[in-house]
């Protein structure tokens, strides 16, 4: 069928179909009623229907010829009491050929429309990614300035500012920080969806790398009196990974664990080498857990669950989707085990290369 698309002349296709039908008719005539060639007559009809430049007229001509060839072979190998019966059989076969051919033609046309729509959607998606990237990049600088100025005012002039104004500055700082996080996620999405994400893997110690990220997140966890522990049997574990992007993954899993954990609870980070030549990292919390019916869509963009942060923290619903894309770029896999009321275990595996 792929080779047929290269043939520009429809008459060549028709000639090829006629020759094929003549061969099938000859075989049918030679074997008589001993061999059924019912499906064989459909092969040229299907080829014509799948042919990219085919049309109803071409289908009609081939179906008519197929019915005629079958009529000739059938009439000369069977005994009929009158001429009406073989003519009637030929008419029925012609109708069957036309119906099947038209169905295939219709499916082919719809398939072509779907392909065209997909191409248009791909172009629109690329334009959308460019727009998101430009908008997020342009907004990051002024919002970053708002965050920096509010932080500067709180640090240097808090004792000279009215308490109500201080509270407003804290609110501005928090909102601008949340906006910066959102813009960073949007920039990541833009890079991932446009295929411009480029990993820069380096051979380094994964255990030391994870400890550093744990210590950073422990400062945030202490606000809720949440402790963190690293559990591993490895003193060091060297392999290639992108420090920048993988830190996004681990930071996202740890901040999520903090957000959805209760005060005075514990978060366990478990690192282990598997027999599949991979490194498995688990972030296990003692939080609220996630309903099973909500877990399947959790790694899609802008997906949130009915489980709410325990201290009013904000969530954009983008972090886990980005984390999954980054892990996939590392040729790894990411998953979740969770039970409502019993906490969650987010884990990912990376190949040791």
C-alpha atoms as a PDB file:
ATOM      1  CA  UNK A   1       0.000   0.000   0.000  1.00  0.00           C
ATOM      2  CA  UNK A   2       2.888   2.348   0.737  1.00  0.00           C
ATOM      3  CA  UNK A   3       4.348   1.701  -2.737  1.00  0.00           C
ATOM      4  CA  UNK A   4       0.980   2.406  -4.360  1.00  0.00           C
ATOM      5  CA  UNK A   5       1.001   5.958  -2.992  1.00  0.00           C
ATOM      6  CA  UNK A   6       4.058   6.694  -5.123  1.00  0.00           C
ATOM      7  CA  UNK A   7       2.118   6.010  -8.340  1.00  0.00           C
ATOM      8  CA  UNK A   8       0.709   9.283  -9.638  1.00  0.00           C
ATOM      9  CA  UNK A   9      -1.370   7.973 -12.573  1.00  0.00           C
ATOM     10  CA  UNK A  10      -4.752   6.572 -11.528  1.00  0.00           C
ATOM     11  CA  UNK A  11      -5.020   4.589 -14.780  1.00  0.00           C
ATOM     12  CA  UNK A  12      -1.896   2.627 -13.835  1.00  0.00           C
ATOM     13  CA  UNK A  13      -3.538   1.711 -10.534  1.00  0.00           C
ATOM     14  CA  UNK A  14      -6.733   0.692 -12.366  1.00  0.00           C
ATOM     15  CA  UNK A  15      -4.740  -1.465 -14.792  1.00  0.00           C
ATOM     16  CA  UNK A  16      -2.917  -3.106 -11.889  1.00  0.00           C
ATOM     17  CA  UNK A  17      -6.269  -3.819 -10.194  1.00  0.00           C
ATOM     18  CA  UNK A  18      -7.773  -5.255 -13.394  1.00  0.00           C
ATOM     19  CA  UNK A  19      -4.773  -7.569 -13.900  1.00  0.00           C
ATOM     20  CA  UNK A  20      -4.971  -8.742 -10.287  1.00  0.00           C
ATOM     21  CA  UNK A  21      -8.731  -9.355 -10.574  1.00  0.00           C
ATOM     22  CA  UNK A  22      -8.228 -11.238 -13.843  1.00  0.00           C
ATOM     23  CA  UNK A  23      -5.653 -13.508 -12.176  1.00  0.00           C
ATOM     24  CA  UNK A  24      -8.015 -14.135  -9.238  1.00  0.00           C
ATOM     25  CA  UNK A  25     -10.870 -14.821 -11.678  1.00  0.00           C
ATOM     26  CA  UNK A  26      -8.716 -17.260 -13.651  1.00  0.00           C
ATOM     27  CA  UNK A  27      -7.755 -19.118 -10.459  1.00  0.00           C
ATOM     28  CA  UNK A  28     -11.422 -19.155  -9.451  1.00  0.00           C
ATOM     29  CA  UNK A  29     -12.414 -20.536 -12.877  1.00  0.00           C
ATOM     30  CA  UNK A  30      -9.624 -23.158 -12.816  1.00  0.00           C
ATOM     31  CA  UNK A  31     -10.408 -24.470  -9.330  1.00  0.00           C
ATOM     32  CA  UNK A  32     -14.187 -24.314  -9.707  1.00  0.00           C
ATOM     33  CA  UNK A  33     -16.119 -24.685  -6.471  1.00  0.00           C
ATOM     34  CA  UNK A  34     -13.305 -26.568  -4.725  1.00  0.00           C
ATOM     35  CA  UNK A  35     -11.580 -23.382  -3.490  1.00  0.00           C
ATOM     36  CA  UNK A  36     -13.432 -20.343  -2.158  1.00  0.00           C
ATOM     37  CA  UNK A  37     -11.876 -17.040  -3.325  1.00  0.00           C
ATOM     38  CA  UNK A  38     -14.465 -14.794  -1.685  1.00  0.00           C
ATOM     39  CA  UNK A  39     -11.906 -12.666   0.198  1.00  0.00           C
ATOM     40  CA  UNK A  40      -9.474 -12.623  -2.734  1.00  0.00           C
ATOM     41  CA  UNK A  41     -11.853 -10.482  -4.819  1.00  0.00           C
ATOM     42  CA  UNK A  42     -11.867  -7.897  -2.021  1.00  0.00           C
ATOM     43  CA  UNK A  43      -8.083  -7.414  -2.070  1.00  0.00           C
ATOM     44  CA  UNK A  44      -7.973  -5.177  -5.190  1.00  0.00           C
ATOM     45  CA  UNK A  45     -11.021  -3.246  -3.931  1.00  0.00           C
ATOM     46  CA  UNK A  46      -9.272  -2.554  -0.623  1.00  0.00           C
ATOM     47  CA  UNK A  47      -6.076  -1.532  -2.415  1.00  0.00           C
ATOM     48  CA  UNK A  48      -8.016   0.951  -4.513  1.00  0.00           C
ATOM     49  CA  UNK A  49      -9.860   2.254  -1.430  1.00  0.00           C
ATOM     50  CA  UNK A  50      -6.611   2.785   0.462  1.00  0.00           C
ATOM     51  CA  UNK A  51      -4.956   4.450  -2.533  1.00  0.00           C
ATOM     52  CA  UNK A  52      -4.410   8.095  -1.598  1.00  0.00           C
ATOM     53  CA  UNK A  53      -5.613   9.504  -4.927  1.00  0.00           C
ATOM     54  CA  UNK A  54      -8.597   7.212  -5.206  1.00  0.00           C
ATOM     55  CA  UNK A  55     -12.145   8.501  -5.670  1.00  0.00           C
ATOM     56  CA  UNK A  56     -15.668   7.100  -5.892  1.00  0.00           C
ATOM     57  CA  UNK A  57     -15.582   6.801  -9.715  1.00  0.00           C
ATOM     58  CA  UNK A  58     -12.393   4.724  -9.565  1.00  0.00           C
ATOM     59  CA  UNK A  59     -13.916   2.542  -6.863  1.00  0.00           C
ATOM     60  CA  UNK A  60     -17.115   2.090  -8.895  1.00  0.00           C
ATOM     61  CA  UNK A  61     -15.204   0.951 -12.011  1.00  0.00           C
ATOM     62  CA  UNK A  62     -13.097  -1.564 -10.066  1.00  0.00           C
ATOM     63  CA  UNK A  63     -16.079  -2.908  -8.128  1.00  0.00           C
ATOM     64  CA  UNK A  64     -17.997  -3.369 -11.382  1.00  0.00           C
ATOM     65  CA  UNK A  65     -15.070  -5.189 -12.998  1.00  0.00           C
ATOM     66  CA  UNK A  66     -14.614  -7.384  -9.906  1.00  0.00           C
ATOM     67  CA  UNK A  67     -18.305  -8.342  -9.957  1.00  0.00           C
ATOM     68  CA  UNK A  68     -18.080  -9.067 -13.705  1.00  0.00           C
ATOM     69  CA  UNK A  69     -15.000 -11.296 -13.346  1.00  0.00           C
ATOM     70  CA  UNK A  70     -16.639 -13.166 -10.505  1.00  0.00           C
ATOM     71  CA  UNK A  71     -19.806 -13.534 -12.578  1.00  0.00           C
ATOM     72  CA  UNK A  72     -17.869 -15.017 -15.512  1.00  0.00           C
ATOM     73  CA  UNK A  73     -15.939 -17.472 -13.299  1.00  0.00           C
ATOM     74  CA  UNK A  74     -19.079 -18.419 -11.375  1.00  0.00           C
ATOM     75  CA  UNK A  75     -21.291 -18.786 -14.480  1.00  0.00           C
ATOM     76  CA  UNK A  76     -18.798 -21.102 -16.199  1.00  0.00           C
ATOM     77  CA  UNK A  77     -18.148 -23.384 -13.211  1.00  0.00           C
ATOM     78  CA  UNK A  78     -21.668 -23.810 -11.799  1.00  0.00           C
ATOM     79  CA  UNK A  79     -24.972 -25.058 -13.194  1.00  0.00           C
ATOM     80  CA  UNK A  80     -27.842 -22.565 -12.927  1.00  0.00           C
ATOM     81  CA  UNK A  81     -31.488 -23.194 -13.849  1.00  0.00           C
ATOM     82  CA  UNK A  82     -31.796 -19.672 -15.281  1.00  0.00           C
ATOM     83  CA  UNK A  83     -29.671 -16.594 -16.038  1.00  0.00           C
ATOM     84  CA  UNK A  84     -31.263 -14.457 -13.349  1.00  0.00           C
ATOM     85  CA  UNK A  85     -29.536 -16.235 -10.455  1.00  0.00           C
ATOM     86  CA  UNK A  86     -25.891 -15.535 -11.472  1.00  0.00           C
ATOM     87  CA  UNK A  87     -26.829 -11.984 -12.476  1.00  0.00           C
ATOM     88  CA  UNK A  88     -28.470 -11.464  -9.105  1.00  0.00           C
ATOM     89  CA  UNK A  89     -25.392 -12.890  -7.334  1.00  0.00           C
ATOM     90  CA  UNK A  90     -23.135 -10.543  -9.318  1.00  0.00           C
ATOM     91  CA  UNK A  91     -25.329  -7.549  -8.383  1.00  0.00           C
ATOM     92  CA  UNK A  92     -25.177  -8.490  -4.703  1.00  0.00           C
ATOM     93  CA  UNK A  93     -21.390  -8.873  -4.879  1.00  0.00           C
ATOM     94  CA  UNK A  94     -21.077  -5.528  -6.647  1.00  0.00           C
ATOM     95  CA  UNK A  95     -23.111  -3.918  -3.842  1.00  0.00           C
ATOM     96  CA  UNK A  96     -20.903  -5.536  -1.216  1.00  0.00           C
ATOM     97  CA  UNK A  97     -17.759  -4.298  -2.977  1.00  0.00           C
ATOM     98  CA  UNK A  98     -19.145  -0.754  -3.204  1.00  0.00           C
ATOM     99  CA  UNK A  99     -20.274  -0.680   0.441  1.00  0.00           C
ATOM    100  CA  UNK A 100     -16.929  -1.976   1.768  1.00  0.00           C
ATOM    101  CA  UNK A 101     -14.984   0.324  -0.556  1.00  0.00           C
ATOM    102  CA  UNK A 102     -16.998   3.386   0.459  1.00  0.00           C
ATOM    103  CA  UNK A 103     -16.522   2.549   4.145  1.00  0.00           C
ATOM    104  CA  UNK A 104     -12.760   2.322   3.648  1.00  0.00           C
ATOM    105  CA  UNK A 105     -12.756   5.549   1.630  1.00  0.00           C
ATOM    106  CA  UNK A 106     -14.687   7.293   4.388  1.00  0.00           C
ATOM    107  CA  UNK A 107     -12.305   6.008   7.077  1.00  0.00           C
ATOM    108  CA  UNK A 108      -9.324   7.068   4.961  1.00  0.00           C
ATOM    109  CA  UNK A 109     -10.690  10.591   4.512  1.00  0.00           C
ATOM    110  CA  UNK A 110     -11.403  10.905   8.234  1.00  0.00           C
ATOM    111  CA  UNK A 111      -7.906   9.638   8.996  1.00  0.00           C
ATOM    112  CA  UNK A 112      -6.427  12.287   6.687  1.00  0.00           C
ATOM    113  CA  UNK A 113      -8.477  14.959   8.465  1.00  0.00           C
ATOM    114  CA  UNK A 114      -7.257  13.711  11.844  1.00  0.00           C
ATOM    115  CA  UNK A 115      -3.638  13.834  10.626  1.00  0.00           C
ATOM    116  CA  UNK A 116      -4.148  17.370   9.347  1.00  0.00           C
ATOM    117  CA  UNK A 117      -5.790  18.459  12.608  1.00  0.00           C
ATOM    118  CA  UNK A 118      -2.927  16.910  14.583  1.00  0.00           C
ATOM    119  CA  UNK A 119      -0.415  18.848  12.494  1.00  0.00           C
ATOM    120  CA  UNK A 120      -2.344  22.070  13.093  1.00  0.00           C
ATOM    121  CA  UNK A 121      -2.602  21.318  16.811  1.00  0.00           C
ATOM    122  CA  UNK A 122       1.140  20.630  16.916  1.00  0.00           C
ATOM    123  CA  UNK A 123       1.829  24.026  15.364  1.00  0.00           C
ATOM    124  CA  UNK A 124      -0.559  25.715  17.810  1.00  0.00           C
ATOM    125  CA  UNK A 125       1.092  23.872  20.695  1.00  0.00           C
ATOM    126  CA  UNK A 126       4.513  25.080  19.563  1.00  0.00           C
ATOM    127  CA  UNK A 127       3.228  28.647  19.344  1.00  0.00           C
ATOM    128  CA  UNK A 128       1.673  28.288  22.792  1.00  0.00           C
ATOM    129  CA  UNK A 129       4.966  27.042  24.233  1.00  0.00           C
ATOM    130  CA  UNK A 130       6.821  29.985  22.699  1.00  0.00           C
ATOM    131  CA  UNK A 131       4.274  32.416  24.121  1.00  0.00           C
ATOM    132  CA  UNK A 132       4.424  30.846  27.589  1.00  0.00           C
ATOM    133  CA  UNK A 133       8.222  30.913  27.514  1.00  0.00           C
ATOM    134  CA  UNK A 134       8.404  34.573  26.466  1.00  0.00           C
ATOM    135  CA  UNK A 135       5.670  35.690  28.876  1.00  0.00           C
ATOM    136  CA  UNK A 136       7.157  33.805  31.829  1.00  0.00           C
ATOM    137  CA  UNK A 137      10.638  35.099  31.061  1.00  0.00           C
ATOM    138  CA  UNK A 138       9.475  38.726  30.771  1.00  0.00           C
ATOM    139  CA  UNK A 139       7.392  38.542  33.946  1.00  0.00           C
ATOM    140  CA  UNK A 140      10.123  36.942  36.033  1.00  0.00           C
ATOM    141  CA  UNK A 141      12.312  40.062  36.233  1.00  0.00           C
ATOM    142  CA  UNK A 142       9.691  42.545  37.541  1.00  0.00           C
ATOM    143  CA  UNK A 143       8.200  40.010  39.958  1.00  0.00           C
ATOM    144  CA  UNK A 144      11.705  39.100  41.116  1.00  0.00           C
ATOM    145  CA  UNK A 145      12.323  42.794  41.779  1.00  0.00           C
ATOM    146  CA  UNK A 146       9.124  42.995  43.860  1.00  0.00           C
ATOM    147  CA  UNK A 147      10.288  40.015  45.904  1.00  0.00           C
ATOM    148  CA  UNK A 148      13.778  41.471  46.389  1.00  0.00           C
ATOM    149  CA  UNK A 149      12.542  44.930  47.386  1.00  0.00           C
ATOM    150  CA  UNK A 150       9.984  43.548  49.848  1.00  0.00           C
ATOM    151  CA  UNK A 151      12.656  41.299  51.353  1.00  0.00           C
ATOM    152  CA  UNK A 152      15.046  44.267  51.595  1.00  0.00           C
ATOM    153  CA  UNK A 153      12.462  46.456  53.311  1.00  0.00           C
ATOM    154  CA  UNK A 154      11.649  43.703  55.820  1.00  0.00           C
ATOM    155  CA  UNK A 155      15.299  43.054  56.559  1.00  0.00           C
ATOM    156  CA  UNK A 156      16.591  46.630  56.866  1.00  0.00           C
ATOM    157  CA  UNK A 157      13.566  48.710  57.868  1.00  0.00           C
ATOM    158  CA  UNK A 158      11.248  46.360  59.774  1.00  0.00           C
ATOM    159  CA  UNK A 159      11.794  48.291  63.036  1.00  0.00           C
ATOM    160  CA  UNK A 160      10.869  51.574  61.335  1.00  0.00           C
ATOM    161  CA  UNK A 161       7.733  50.349  59.564  1.00  0.00           C
ATOM    162  CA  UNK A 162       4.254  50.185  61.020  1.00  0.00           C
ATOM    163  CA  UNK A 163       3.304  46.590  62.052  1.00  0.00           C
ATOM    164  CA  UNK A 164       0.373  46.642  59.624  1.00  0.00           C
ATOM    165  CA  UNK A 165       2.697  47.656  56.787  1.00  0.00           C
ATOM    166  CA  UNK A 166       5.119  44.914  57.820  1.00  0.00           C
ATOM    167  CA  UNK A 167       2.321  42.373  57.591  1.00  0.00           C
ATOM    168  CA  UNK A 168       1.455  43.638  54.105  1.00  0.00           C
ATOM    169  CA  UNK A 169       5.118  43.421  53.050  1.00  0.00           C
ATOM    170  CA  UNK A 170       5.269  39.815  54.284  1.00  0.00           C
ATOM    171  CA  UNK A 171       2.165  39.076  52.242  1.00  0.00           C
ATOM    172  CA  UNK A 172       3.701  40.750  49.152  1.00  0.00           C
ATOM    173  CA  UNK A 173       6.908  38.776  49.609  1.00  0.00           C
ATOM    174  CA  UNK A 174       5.023  35.487  49.912  1.00  0.00           C
ATOM    175  CA  UNK A 175       2.826  36.166  46.874  1.00  0.00           C
ATOM    176  CA  UNK A 176       5.754  37.268  44.719  1.00  0.00           C
ATOM    177  CA  UNK A 177       7.721  34.193  45.776  1.00  0.00           C
ATOM    178  CA  UNK A 178       4.780  31.956  44.804  1.00  0.00           C
ATOM    179  CA  UNK A 179       4.553  33.782  41.478  1.00  0.00           C
ATOM    180  CA  UNK A 180       8.274  33.208  40.846  1.00  0.00           C
ATOM    181  CA  UNK A 181       7.843  29.498  41.528  1.00  0.00           C
ATOM    182  CA  UNK A 182       4.920  29.374  39.100  1.00  0.00           C
ATOM    183  CA  UNK A 183       6.893  31.231  36.402  1.00  0.00           C
ATOM    184  CA  UNK A 184       9.804  28.825  36.856  1.00  0.00           C
ATOM    185  CA  UNK A 185       7.427  25.895  36.367  1.00  0.00           C
ATOM    186  CA  UNK A 186       5.937  27.499  33.263  1.00  0.00           C
ATOM    187  CA  UNK A 187       9.410  28.003  31.812  1.00  0.00           C
ATOM    188  CA  UNK A 188      10.185  24.335  32.504  1.00  0.00           C
ATOM    189  CA  UNK A 189       6.955  23.275  30.776  1.00  0.00           C
ATOM    190  CA  UNK A 190       7.776  25.462  27.798  1.00  0.00           C
ATOM    191  CA  UNK A 191      11.202  23.837  27.455  1.00  0.00           C
ATOM    192  CA  UNK A 192       9.903  20.306  27.975  1.00  0.00           C
ATOM    193  CA  UNK A 193       6.961  20.583  25.574  1.00  0.00           C
ATOM    194  CA  UNK A 194       9.023  22.273  22.863  1.00  0.00           C
ATOM    195  CA  UNK A 195      11.725  19.614  23.169  1.00  0.00           C
ATOM    196  CA  UNK A 196      14.443  22.127  24.022  1.00  0.00           C
ATOM    197  CA  UNK A 197      15.288  20.651  27.416  1.00  0.00           C
ATOM    198  CA  UNK A 198      18.926  19.588  27.344  1.00  0.00           C
ATOM    199  CA  UNK A 199      20.411  17.510  30.131  1.00  0.00           C
ATOM    200  CA  UNK A 200      24.006  18.059  31.208  1.00  0.00           C
ATOM    201  CA  UNK A 201      24.777  14.864  33.132  1.00  0.00           C
ATOM    202  CA  UNK A 202      27.884  14.723  35.267  1.00  0.00           C
ATOM    203  CA  UNK A 203      29.471  11.797  37.075  1.00  0.00           C
ATOM    204  CA  UNK A 204      29.025  12.577  40.767  1.00  0.00           C
ATOM    205  CA  UNK A 205      28.017  11.181  44.163  1.00  0.00           C
ATOM    206  CA  UNK A 206      24.236  10.865  44.334  1.00  0.00           C
ATOM    207  CA  UNK A 207      24.217  10.286  48.127  1.00  0.00           C
ATOM    208  CA  UNK A 208      26.058  13.542  48.867  1.00  0.00           C
ATOM    209  CA  UNK A 209      23.839  15.363  46.356  1.00  0.00           C
ATOM    210  CA  UNK A 210      20.649  14.128  48.063  1.00  0.00           C
ATOM    211  CA  UNK A 211      21.962  14.965  51.544  1.00  0.00           C
ATOM    212  CA  UNK A 212      22.574  18.556  50.468  1.00  0.00           C
ATOM    213  CA  UNK A 213      18.983  18.869  49.178  1.00  0.00           C
ATOM    214  CA  UNK A 214      17.620  17.248  52.334  1.00  0.00           C
ATOM    215  CA  UNK A 215      19.466  19.739  54.548  1.00  0.00           C
ATOM    216  CA  UNK A 216      18.045  22.635  52.518  1.00  0.00           C
ATOM    217  CA  UNK A 217      14.472  21.347  52.798  1.00  0.00           C
ATOM    218  CA  UNK A 218      14.938  20.558  56.467  1.00  0.00           C
ATOM    219  CA  UNK A 219      15.024  24.306  57.143  1.00  0.00           C
ATOM    220  CA  UNK A 220      11.509  24.558  55.659  1.00  0.00           C
ATOM    221  CA  UNK A 221      10.325  21.430  57.450  1.00  0.00           C
ATOM    222  CA  UNK A 222      11.347  22.797  60.856  1.00  0.00           C
ATOM    223  CA  UNK A 223       8.644  25.457  60.593  1.00  0.00           C
ATOM    224  CA  UNK A 224       6.148  22.592  61.009  1.00  0.00           C
ATOM    225  CA  UNK A 225       8.441  20.675  63.368  1.00  0.00           C
ATOM    226  CA  UNK A 226       8.835  17.934  60.763  1.00  0.00           C
ATOM    227  CA  UNK A 227      11.975  15.794  60.898  1.00  0.00           C
ATOM    228  CA  UNK A 228      13.781  14.185  57.930  1.00  0.00           C
ATOM    229  CA  UNK A 229      15.896  11.063  57.770  1.00  0.00           C
ATOM    230  CA  UNK A 230      18.060   9.599  55.023  1.00  0.00           C
ATOM    231  CA  UNK A 231      18.147   5.813  54.948  1.00  0.00           C
ATOM    232  CA  UNK A 232      20.680   4.047  52.729  1.00  0.00           C
ATOM    233  CA  UNK A 233      23.188   1.211  52.898  1.00  0.00           C
ATOM    234  CA  UNK A 234      25.492   3.023  50.462  1.00  0.00           C
ATOM    235  CA  UNK A 235      28.196   5.407  51.670  1.00  0.00           C
ATOM    236  CA  UNK A 236      28.511   6.816  48.159  1.00  0.00           C
ATOM    237  CA  UNK A 237      26.860   6.128  44.823  1.00  0.00           C
ATOM    238  CA  UNK A 238      28.420   7.572  41.692  1.00  0.00           C
ATOM    239  CA  UNK A 239      26.671   7.772  38.320  1.00  0.00           C
ATOM    240  CA  UNK A 240      25.760  10.336  35.647  1.00  0.00           C
ATOM    241  CA  UNK A 241      22.828  12.694  36.221  1.00  0.00           C
ATOM    242  CA  UNK A 242      21.890  16.324  35.652  1.00  0.00           C
ATOM    243  CA  UNK A 243      22.281  18.067  39.004  1.00  0.00           C
ATOM    244  CA  UNK A 244      20.153  21.069  38.072  1.00  0.00           C
ATOM    245  CA  UNK A 245      17.089  19.226  36.784  1.00  0.00           C
ATOM    246  CA  UNK A 246      17.239  16.350  39.260  1.00  0.00           C
ATOM    247  CA  UNK A 247      17.351  18.824  42.153  1.00  0.00           C
ATOM    248  CA  UNK A 248      13.979  20.090  40.864  1.00  0.00           C
ATOM    249  CA  UNK A 249      12.571  16.588  41.141  1.00  0.00           C
ATOM    250  CA  UNK A 250      13.815  15.902  44.660  1.00  0.00           C
ATOM    251  CA  UNK A 251      12.963  19.388  45.919  1.00  0.00           C
ATOM    252  CA  UNK A 252       9.450  19.019  44.515  1.00  0.00           C
ATOM    253  CA  UNK A 253       8.906  15.653  46.196  1.00  0.00           C
ATOM    254  CA  UNK A 254      10.287  16.926  49.507  1.00  0.00           C
ATOM    255  CA  UNK A 255       8.310  20.189  49.492  1.00  0.00           C
ATOM    256  CA  UNK A 256       5.148  18.255  48.633  1.00  0.00           C
ATOM    257  CA  UNK A 257       5.829  15.860  51.495  1.00  0.00           C
ATOM    258  CA  UNK A 258       6.244  18.855  53.825  1.00  0.00           C
ATOM    259  CA  UNK A 259       3.092  20.576  52.546  1.00  0.00           C
ATOM    260  CA  UNK A 260       0.856  17.556  53.020  1.00  0.00           C
ATOM    261  CA  UNK A 261       2.371  16.250  56.272  1.00  0.00           C
ATOM    262  CA  UNK A 262       1.135  17.008  59.749  1.00  0.00           C
ATOM    263  CA  UNK A 263       3.213  18.852  62.308  1.00  0.00           C
ATOM    264  CA  UNK A 264       5.573  16.748  64.442  1.00  0.00           C
ATOM    265  CA  UNK A 265       5.714  13.996  61.805  1.00  0.00           C
ATOM    266  CA  UNK A 266       8.662  12.443  59.943  1.00  0.00           C
ATOM    267  CA  UNK A 267       9.740  12.226  56.303  1.00  0.00           C
ATOM    268  CA  UNK A 268      11.968   9.339  55.252  1.00  0.00           C
ATOM    269  CA  UNK A 269      14.247   9.471  52.189  1.00  0.00           C
ATOM    270  CA  UNK A 270      15.333   5.969  51.212  1.00  0.00           C
ATOM    271  CA  UNK A 271      17.999   5.335  48.568  1.00  0.00           C
ATOM    272  CA  UNK A 272      18.819   1.827  47.373  1.00  0.00           C
ATOM    273  CA  UNK A 273      20.590   0.142  44.479  1.00  0.00           C
ATOM    274  CA  UNK A 274      18.391  -2.415  42.711  1.00  0.00           C
ATOM    275  CA  UNK A 275      19.284  -5.602  40.842  1.00  0.00           C
ATOM    276  CA  UNK A 276      18.099  -3.874  37.625  1.00  0.00           C
ATOM    277  CA  UNK A 277      21.206  -1.655  37.617  1.00  0.00           C
ATOM    278  CA  UNK A 278      19.150   1.302  38.781  1.00  0.00           C
ATOM    279  CA  UNK A 279      19.041   3.571  41.826  1.00  0.00           C
ATOM    280  CA  UNK A 280      15.689   3.816  43.587  1.00  0.00           C
ATOM    281  CA  UNK A 281      14.832   6.930  45.601  1.00  0.00           C
ATOM    282  CA  UNK A 282      11.766   6.972  47.846  1.00  0.00           C
ATOM    283  CA  UNK A 283      10.244   9.956  49.652  1.00  0.00           C
ATOM    284  CA  UNK A 284       7.937   8.556  52.310  1.00  0.00           C
ATOM    285  CA  UNK A 285       5.762  10.798  54.473  1.00  0.00           C
ATOM    286  CA  UNK A 286       3.284  10.258  57.300  1.00  0.00           C
ATOM    287  CA  UNK A 287       0.741  12.669  55.841  1.00  0.00           C
ATOM    288  CA  UNK A 288      -2.845  12.421  54.706  1.00  0.00           C
ATOM    289  CA  UNK A 289      -2.371  10.140  51.734  1.00  0.00           C
ATOM    290  CA  UNK A 290      -4.169  10.348  48.366  1.00  0.00           C
ATOM    291  CA  UNK A 291      -7.371   8.685  47.213  1.00  0.00           C
ATOM    292  CA  UNK A 292      -6.783   5.838  44.724  1.00  0.00           C
ATOM    293  CA  UNK A 293      -9.101   7.259  42.071  1.00  0.00           C
ATOM    294  CA  UNK A 294      -7.088  10.508  42.085  1.00  0.00           C
ATOM    295  CA  UNK A 295      -3.636   8.949  41.803  1.00  0.00           C
ATOM    296  CA  UNK A 296      -3.759   8.090  38.065  1.00  0.00           C
ATOM    297  CA  UNK A 297      -3.971  11.739  36.924  1.00  0.00           C
ATOM    298  CA  UNK A 298      -1.631  13.151  39.540  1.00  0.00           C
ATOM    299  CA  UNK A 299       1.333  13.404  37.155  1.00  0.00           C
ATOM    300  CA  UNK A 300      -0.578  15.438  34.552  1.00  0.00           C
ATOM    301  CA  UNK A 301      -0.371  19.221  34.266  1.00  0.00           C
ATOM    302  CA  UNK A 302      -2.530  21.330  36.605  1.00  0.00           C
ATOM    303  CA  UNK A 303      -3.796  18.273  38.476  1.00  0.00           C
ATOM    304  CA  UNK A 304      -4.621  18.558  42.151  1.00  0.00           C
ATOM    305  CA  UNK A 305      -6.225  16.176  44.598  1.00  0.00           C
ATOM    306  CA  UNK A 306      -8.856  16.617  47.247  1.00  0.00           C
ATOM    307  CA  UNK A 307      -6.047  16.318  49.820  1.00  0.00           C
ATOM    308  CA  UNK A 308      -5.164  19.812  51.021  1.00  0.00           C
ATOM    309  CA  UNK A 309      -1.888  21.133  52.489  1.00  0.00           C
ATOM    310  CA  UNK A 310      -1.926  20.986  56.269  1.00  0.00           C
ATOM    311  CA  UNK A 311      -0.785  24.574  56.862  1.00  0.00           C
ATOM    312  CA  UNK A 312      -2.460  26.499  54.031  1.00  0.00           C
ATOM    313  CA  UNK A 313       0.481  26.204  51.609  1.00  0.00           C
ATOM    314  CA  UNK A 314      -0.043  26.852  47.890  1.00  0.00           C
ATOM    315  CA  UNK A 315       0.274  24.339  45.050  1.00  0.00           C
ATOM    316  CA  UNK A 316       0.159  24.972  41.286  1.00  0.00           C
ATOM    317  CA  UNK A 317      -0.405  21.343  40.245  1.00  0.00           C
ATOM    318  CA  UNK A 318       2.622  21.486  37.917  1.00  0.00           C
ATOM    319  CA  UNK A 319       5.506  20.130  39.992  1.00  0.00           C
ATOM    320  CA  UNK A 320       4.807  16.395  39.688  1.00  0.00           C
ATOM    321  CA  UNK A 321       4.144  16.624  35.943  1.00  0.00           C
ATOM    322  CA  UNK A 322       7.480  18.398  35.459  1.00  0.00           C
ATOM    323  CA  UNK A 323       9.228  15.891  37.744  1.00  0.00           C
ATOM    324  CA  UNK A 324       7.909  12.988  35.663  1.00  0.00           C
ATOM    325  CA  UNK A 325       9.112  14.591  32.418  1.00  0.00           C
ATOM    326  CA  UNK A 326      12.584  15.147  33.887  1.00  0.00           C
ATOM    327  CA  UNK A 327      12.824  11.571  35.145  1.00  0.00           C
ATOM    328  CA  UNK A 328      11.757  10.279  31.719  1.00  0.00           C
ATOM    329  CA  UNK A 329      14.474  12.446  30.130  1.00  0.00           C
ATOM    330  CA  UNK A 330      16.907  10.637  32.464  1.00  0.00           C
ATOM    331  CA  UNK A 331      15.559   7.302  31.051  1.00  0.00           C
ATOM    332  CA  UNK A 332      14.006   6.551  34.436  1.00  0.00           C
ATOM    333  CA  UNK A 333      10.535   6.011  35.870  1.00  0.00           C
ATOM    334  CA  UNK A 334       8.478   7.673  38.594  1.00  0.00           C
ATOM    335  CA  UNK A 335       5.597   6.244  40.632  1.00  0.00           C
ATOM    336  CA  UNK A 336       3.452   6.503  43.724  1.00  0.00           C
ATOM    337  CA  UNK A 337       2.147   4.273  46.492  1.00  0.00           C
ATOM    338  CA  UNK A 338      -0.394   5.924  48.765  1.00  0.00           C
ATOM    339  CA  UNK A 339      -3.294   5.104  51.006  1.00  0.00           C
ATOM    340  CA  UNK A 340      -5.703   7.657  52.367  1.00  0.00           C
ATOM    341  CA  UNK A 341      -4.898   8.438  55.995  1.00  0.00           C
ATOM    342  CA  UNK A 342      -1.605   6.511  55.910  1.00  0.00           C
ATOM    343  CA  UNK A 343       0.772   8.770  54.009  1.00  0.00           C
ATOM    344  CA  UNK A 344       2.415   8.558  50.603  1.00  0.00           C
ATOM    345  CA  UNK A 345       5.519   7.075  49.022  1.00  0.00           C
ATOM    346  CA  UNK A 346       6.708   8.897  45.885  1.00  0.00           C
ATOM    347  CA  UNK A 347       9.577   7.032  44.271  1.00  0.00           C
ATOM    348  CA  UNK A 348      11.675   7.116  41.117  1.00  0.00           C
ATOM    349  CA  UNK A 349      14.332   4.928  39.569  1.00  0.00           C
ATOM    350  CA  UNK A 350      17.320   6.102  37.537  1.00  0.00           C
ATOM    351  CA  UNK A 351      19.683   3.939  35.492  1.00  0.00           C
ATOM    352  CA  UNK A 352      23.287   3.781  36.686  1.00  0.00           C
ATOM    353  CA  UNK A 353      25.250   4.923  33.657  1.00  0.00           C
END
